[in-house]
Structure formats: structure tokens, C-alpha cells
Amino acid sequence: MTEDSADPLPPEAVIALAWSPPEVRSALGTVLRLDRRLARILARTREPMLGQMRLSWWREALGKPPADRPRGDAVLDAIGVHWAGREPALVALVDGWEQVLEEPPLSEEAARLFAAGRCEALIAAHRREPVALDPSDPCMAAAWHWSLADFAARVSDARERALLVRLGLAQGRPAAPLPREARGLAVLGGLGLRALRRGGRPLMEGRGAPLAALRAAIFRA
């Protein structure tokens, strides 16, 4: 596996990283690149068993000490540098993407588990201690909005998109401002909530998207 030079991060992720402090930027950038890699695996997989095998490769690699992992993959190498000791949250991300492999249409339970796995990894990028998903946590709200909005913009089935939008909007705005170190996550969450309210449209669609990102970064909500 090689660097995803032909598959750069989307604009909303680039903006989020720009607003993240240096101590968070590397970990957040790594998890966003891993998330994009997993999404691409599933997009190119027609046989669920083959998709499970590819996800298992990542799960097994993350379960090994960094020194025992394959070398030369940019994302896996970055995990060894920026995520040492926090790999369980990345395994949760892999487990979340595995939920998408079930036969369509996507079930509500699978959508919730998918979003939870993404949320755990995103929040862990900002914390050293183990993550406990709490709906009242402002970071959880932001991560939830991005997780479901980003996926809603990718799916082609109108029923699945409606499900993802409904689940996303069921989580209200963050109850309090996110911590300063989570400004990047606030950007993702703010754009995600805006996209959900627009029916699952792409996060940076429309002239108001840059302003929404700026407001989320400043007010951290």
C-alpha cells in the first residue's frame, strides 16, 4: 500500500486541520486519512467477504506493536508515530466501516454503529485518555454530525440518505463550546450539521460553506 497522493483530503478536512493546533493536527490528519482509505476500500469492493478481508488487514496491523507492522504505507507509518498506545480507537473506526458492508439498504443499527466508530476515532485524536462516548459531550455532538453528514453525501440511495440525515439531526447542537484544541472538530461538526439540514448535501456545497466553517472555528460550536 502506498500514499494516497491521488486521493487528497476533501476541502472541509483541510480547513479543519488548518484550525487545529500542532499537537492535534498530526493525529487528526492521520485519522482522517485512515478514514478516507477505509471509505475507498468499501467503495471499490463488490463482494462483502473481500471487503471484510481488507478491513481485517487493517485491524490486524493495528493490533501489532509499531515495530512489527509492515513498512512503507504512509497512513500506517503515521499511525505508529502519532497514535502509539491509542490504536483501539482506530480499530473502532475499522469496525464502524465494516457495518457498511451489510446488504443494502443500510439498517438504523448499522448506521449508528458506523457513526459511533467514527466518533470514537475523531474524539481520540484530541485526547490521550480512553474515549467514552457521551451524547452530552460537545465533541461527541460535532463528531456525530460530521460522521453522518459526510456519509449521507456519499450514498446514492435516497432511503439511506434520509436515514442518515434523520439520525444526524436527532443529535442537537453541542451543548457548550468545544475545547480550543478541538476547533478543527468544531469545523467538521458545524459543516456537518449544515449539510444535514440541507438534506445530506456535500459539506462544502454552496457559497455559505466557508462562512459556516469560519463561524464554527471561532465560536467552537
Protein backbone atom coordinates (compact mmCIF):
# COMPACT_ATOMS: atom_id res chain seq x y z
CA MET A 1 0.00 0.00 0.00
CA THR A 2 1.20 3.49 -0.82
CA GLU A 3 0.47 7.14 -0.13
CA ASP A 4 -2.95 8.39 -1.23
CA SER A 5 -1.47 11.14 -3.42
CA ALA A 6 -4.23 10.65 -5.97
CA ASP A 7 -6.92 10.86 -3.28
CA PRO A 8 -6.29 14.04 -1.27
CA LEU A 9 -8.35 15.04 1.72
CA PRO A 10 -11.54 16.98 0.92
CA PRO A 11 -11.64 20.77 1.46
CA GLU A 12 -13.54 20.57 4.76
CA ALA A 13 -10.82 18.32 6.21
CA VAL A 14 -8.08 20.67 5.02
CA ILE A 15 -9.85 23.60 6.70
CA ALA A 16 -10.34 21.61 9.89
CA LEU A 17 -6.65 20.74 10.04
CA ALA A 18 -5.68 24.36 9.45
CA TRP A 19 -7.68 25.35 12.55
CA SER A 20 -6.21 22.55 14.66
CA PRO A 21 -3.21 23.27 16.92
CA PRO A 22 0.05 21.48 16.07
CA GLU A 23 -0.32 18.99 18.92
CA VAL A 24 -3.63 17.79 17.46
CA ARG A 25 -3.11 18.32 13.73
CA SER A 26 -0.94 15.28 13.08
CA ALA A 27 -3.22 12.86 14.95
CA LEU A 28 -6.38 14.30 13.38
CA GLY A 29 -4.87 14.32 9.91
CA THR A 30 -3.83 10.69 10.31
CA VAL A 31 -7.28 9.52 11.38
CA LEU A 32 -8.93 11.46 8.55
CA ARG A 33 -6.58 9.84 6.04
CA LEU A 34 -7.25 6.40 7.50
CA ASP A 35 -10.99 7.07 7.35
CA ARG A 36 -10.67 8.07 3.70
CA ARG A 37 -8.63 4.95 2.96
CA LEU A 38 -11.29 2.73 4.53
CA ALA A 39 -14.04 4.53 2.63
CA ARG A 40 -12.19 3.95 -0.62
CA ILE A 41 -11.77 0.25 0.17
CA LEU A 42 -15.51 -0.16 0.56
CA ALA A 43 -16.30 1.96 -2.49
CA ARG A 44 -14.19 -0.38 -4.61
CA THR A 45 -15.48 -3.60 -3.04
CA ARG A 46 -18.32 -5.53 -4.66
CA GLU A 47 -18.01 -8.69 -2.57
CA PRO A 48 -18.61 -8.24 1.19
CA MET A 49 -16.18 -11.05 2.04
CA LEU A 50 -13.39 -9.32 0.12
CA GLY A 51 -14.16 -6.08 1.93
CA GLN A 52 -14.03 -7.85 5.27
CA MET A 53 -10.63 -9.30 4.38
CA ARG A 54 -9.25 -5.86 3.55
CA LEU A 55 -10.61 -4.37 6.75
CA SER A 56 -9.20 -7.32 8.70
CA TRP A 57 -5.76 -6.45 7.33
CA TRP A 58 -6.03 -3.05 8.99
CA ARG A 59 -7.44 -4.48 12.20
CA GLU A 60 -4.60 -6.98 12.47
CA ALA A 61 -1.95 -4.38 11.61
CA LEU A 62 -3.27 -2.02 14.28
CA GLY A 63 -3.15 -4.85 16.82
CA LYS A 64 0.60 -5.30 16.38
CA PRO A 65 3.34 -3.22 18.01
CA PRO A 66 4.50 -0.46 15.63
CA ALA A 67 7.86 -2.19 15.13
CA ASP A 68 6.13 -5.34 13.85
CA ARG A 69 3.87 -3.63 11.31
CA PRO A 70 4.51 -3.57 7.56
CA ARG A 71 6.60 -0.62 6.44
CA GLY A 72 6.06 1.75 3.55
CA ASP A 73 2.38 2.60 3.91
CA ALA A 74 2.15 6.33 4.65
CA VAL A 75 -1.01 6.06 6.74
CA LEU A 76 0.14 3.06 8.77
CA ASP A 77 3.55 4.64 9.33
CA ALA A 78 1.90 7.85 10.56
CA ILE A 79 -0.25 5.83 12.96
CA GLY A 80 2.91 4.42 14.50
CA VAL A 81 4.22 7.92 15.10
CA HIS A 82 1.08 9.79 16.19
CA TRP A 83 -1.23 7.09 17.57
CA ALA A 84 1.02 4.79 19.58
CA GLY A 85 -0.96 3.44 22.51
CA ARG A 86 -4.28 4.77 21.18
CA GLU A 87 -4.86 2.21 18.43
CA PRO A 88 -8.10 0.79 19.95
CA ALA A 89 -9.90 3.94 18.81
CA LEU A 90 -8.69 3.31 15.26
CA VAL A 91 -9.85 -0.30 15.47
CA ALA A 92 -13.27 1.12 16.39
CA LEU A 93 -13.12 3.14 13.17
CA VAL A 94 -12.40 -0.01 11.17
CA ASP A 95 -15.25 -1.81 12.94
CA GLY A 96 -17.55 1.08 12.11
CA TRP A 97 -16.80 0.91 8.41
CA GLU A 98 -17.43 -2.83 8.47
CA GLN A 99 -21.06 -2.06 9.29
CA VAL A 100 -21.45 -0.59 5.80
CA LEU A 101 -20.69 -3.97 4.25
CA GLU A 102 -24.11 -5.41 5.15
CA GLU A 103 -26.65 -5.96 2.38
CA PRO A 104 -28.47 -2.74 1.41
CA PRO A 105 -30.41 -0.87 2.45
CA LEU A 106 -28.38 0.23 5.44
CA SER A 107 -30.12 -0.50 8.73
CA GLU A 108 -30.52 2.03 11.52
CA GLU A 109 -28.47 -0.09 13.90
CA ALA A 110 -25.62 -0.38 11.39
CA ALA A 111 -25.71 3.38 10.77
CA ARG A 112 -25.48 4.09 14.50
CA LEU A 113 -22.58 1.68 14.97
CA PHE A 114 -20.83 3.14 11.95
CA ALA A 115 -21.16 6.67 13.31
CA ALA A 116 -20.05 5.60 16.79
CA GLY A 117 -16.85 4.08 15.42
CA ARG A 118 -16.04 7.24 13.51
CA CYS A 119 -16.83 9.40 16.53
CA GLU A 120 -14.55 7.43 18.82
CA ALA A 121 -11.60 7.85 16.48
CA LEU A 122 -12.22 11.57 15.89
CA ILE A 123 -12.54 12.34 19.60
CA ALA A 124 -9.49 10.23 20.45
CA ALA A 125 -7.40 12.44 18.16
CA HIS A 126 -7.93 15.21 20.72
CA ARG A 127 -7.45 13.21 23.94
CA ARG A 128 -4.85 10.97 25.49
CA GLU A 129 -7.22 9.12 27.80
CA PRO A 130 -9.62 6.40 26.54
CA VAL A 131 -12.77 7.80 24.94
CA ALA A 132 -16.19 7.16 26.46
CA LEU A 133 -18.91 8.22 24.04
CA ASP A 134 -21.28 10.59 25.84
CA PRO A 135 -24.16 12.29 23.95
CA SER A 136 -23.82 15.32 26.23
CA ASP A 137 -20.15 15.79 25.26
CA PRO A 138 -19.84 18.75 22.83
CA CYS A 139 -17.11 16.87 20.95
CA MET A 140 -19.46 13.91 20.55
CA ALA A 141 -22.15 16.12 19.01
CA ALA A 142 -19.71 17.61 16.50
CA ALA A 143 -18.22 14.23 15.60
CA TRP A 144 -21.69 12.70 15.20
CA HIS A 145 -22.84 15.44 12.83
CA TRP A 146 -19.77 15.10 10.65
CA SER A 147 -19.80 11.30 10.66
CA LEU A 148 -23.35 11.01 9.36
CA ALA A 149 -23.35 14.08 7.12
CA ASP A 150 -20.17 13.06 5.31
CA PHE A 151 -21.56 9.60 4.64
CA ALA A 152 -25.00 10.90 3.65
CA ALA A 153 -23.37 12.97 0.92
CA ARG A 154 -21.71 9.84 -0.48
CA VAL A 155 -24.64 7.41 -0.69
CA SER A 156 -26.79 7.16 -3.81
CA ASP A 157 -29.83 5.50 -2.22
CA ALA A 158 -32.41 8.12 -1.20
CA ARG A 159 -33.71 5.94 1.65
CA GLU A 160 -30.27 5.51 3.13
CA ARG A 161 -29.57 9.23 2.83
CA ALA A 162 -32.85 10.04 4.58
CA LEU A 163 -31.95 7.63 7.41
CA LEU A 164 -28.51 9.16 7.87
CA VAL A 165 -29.93 12.68 7.87
CA ARG A 166 -32.59 11.76 10.42
CA LEU A 167 -30.07 10.14 12.76
CA GLY A 168 -27.70 13.05 12.37
CA LEU A 169 -30.31 15.69 13.15
CA ALA A 170 -31.53 13.71 16.17
CA GLN A 171 -28.35 14.92 17.89
CA GLY A 172 -28.69 18.61 18.74
CA ARG A 173 -26.03 21.26 18.51
CA PRO A 174 -23.16 20.99 21.01
CA ALA A 175 -24.45 21.96 24.44
CA ALA A 176 -21.32 24.04 25.10
CA PRO A 177 -18.33 25.30 23.08
CA LEU A 178 -15.79 22.66 22.20
CA PRO A 179 -12.33 22.96 23.79
CA ARG A 180 -9.95 25.30 21.99
CA GLU A 181 -7.82 22.37 20.85
CA ALA A 182 -10.89 20.92 19.12
CA ARG A 183 -11.51 23.85 16.78
CA GLY A 184 -10.90 21.59 13.80
CA LEU A 185 -13.53 19.18 15.05
CA ALA A 186 -15.89 22.14 15.54
CA VAL A 187 -15.39 23.00 11.87
CA LEU A 188 -16.25 19.47 10.79
CA GLY A 189 -19.27 19.39 13.08
CA GLY A 190 -20.56 22.78 12.00
CA LEU A 191 -20.29 21.94 8.33
CA GLY A 192 -21.82 18.53 9.01
CA LEU A 193 -24.86 20.00 10.75
CA ARG A 194 -25.33 22.49 7.94
CA ALA A 195 -25.15 19.68 5.36
CA LEU A 196 -27.66 17.57 7.30
CA ARG A 197 -30.09 20.48 7.42
CA ARG A 198 -29.73 20.76 3.65
CA GLY A 199 -30.82 17.15 3.24
CA GLY A 200 -27.43 15.45 3.12
CA ARG A 201 -25.73 17.66 0.55
CA PRO A 202 -21.90 17.86 0.30
CA LEU A 203 -20.34 19.67 3.23
CA MET A 204 -18.68 22.44 1.23
CA GLU A 205 -21.53 22.95 -1.20
CA GLY A 206 -22.87 26.48 -1.55
CA ARG A 207 -21.44 29.95 -1.04
CA GLY A 208 -22.24 29.87 2.68
CA ALA A 209 -19.99 26.91 3.48
CA PRO A 210 -16.75 28.89 4.07
CA LEU A 211 -18.61 31.29 6.39
CA ALA A 212 -20.13 28.34 8.29
CA ALA A 213 -16.66 26.86 8.74
CA LEU A 214 -15.30 30.18 9.99
CA ARG A 215 -18.14 30.65 12.46
CA ALA A 216 -17.72 27.11 13.79
CA ALA A 217 -13.98 27.65 14.28
CA ILE A 218 -14.42 30.96 16.09
CA PHE A 219 -17.32 30.00 18.33
CA ARG A 220 -16.31 26.31 18.61
CA ALA A 221 -19.94 25.21 18.27
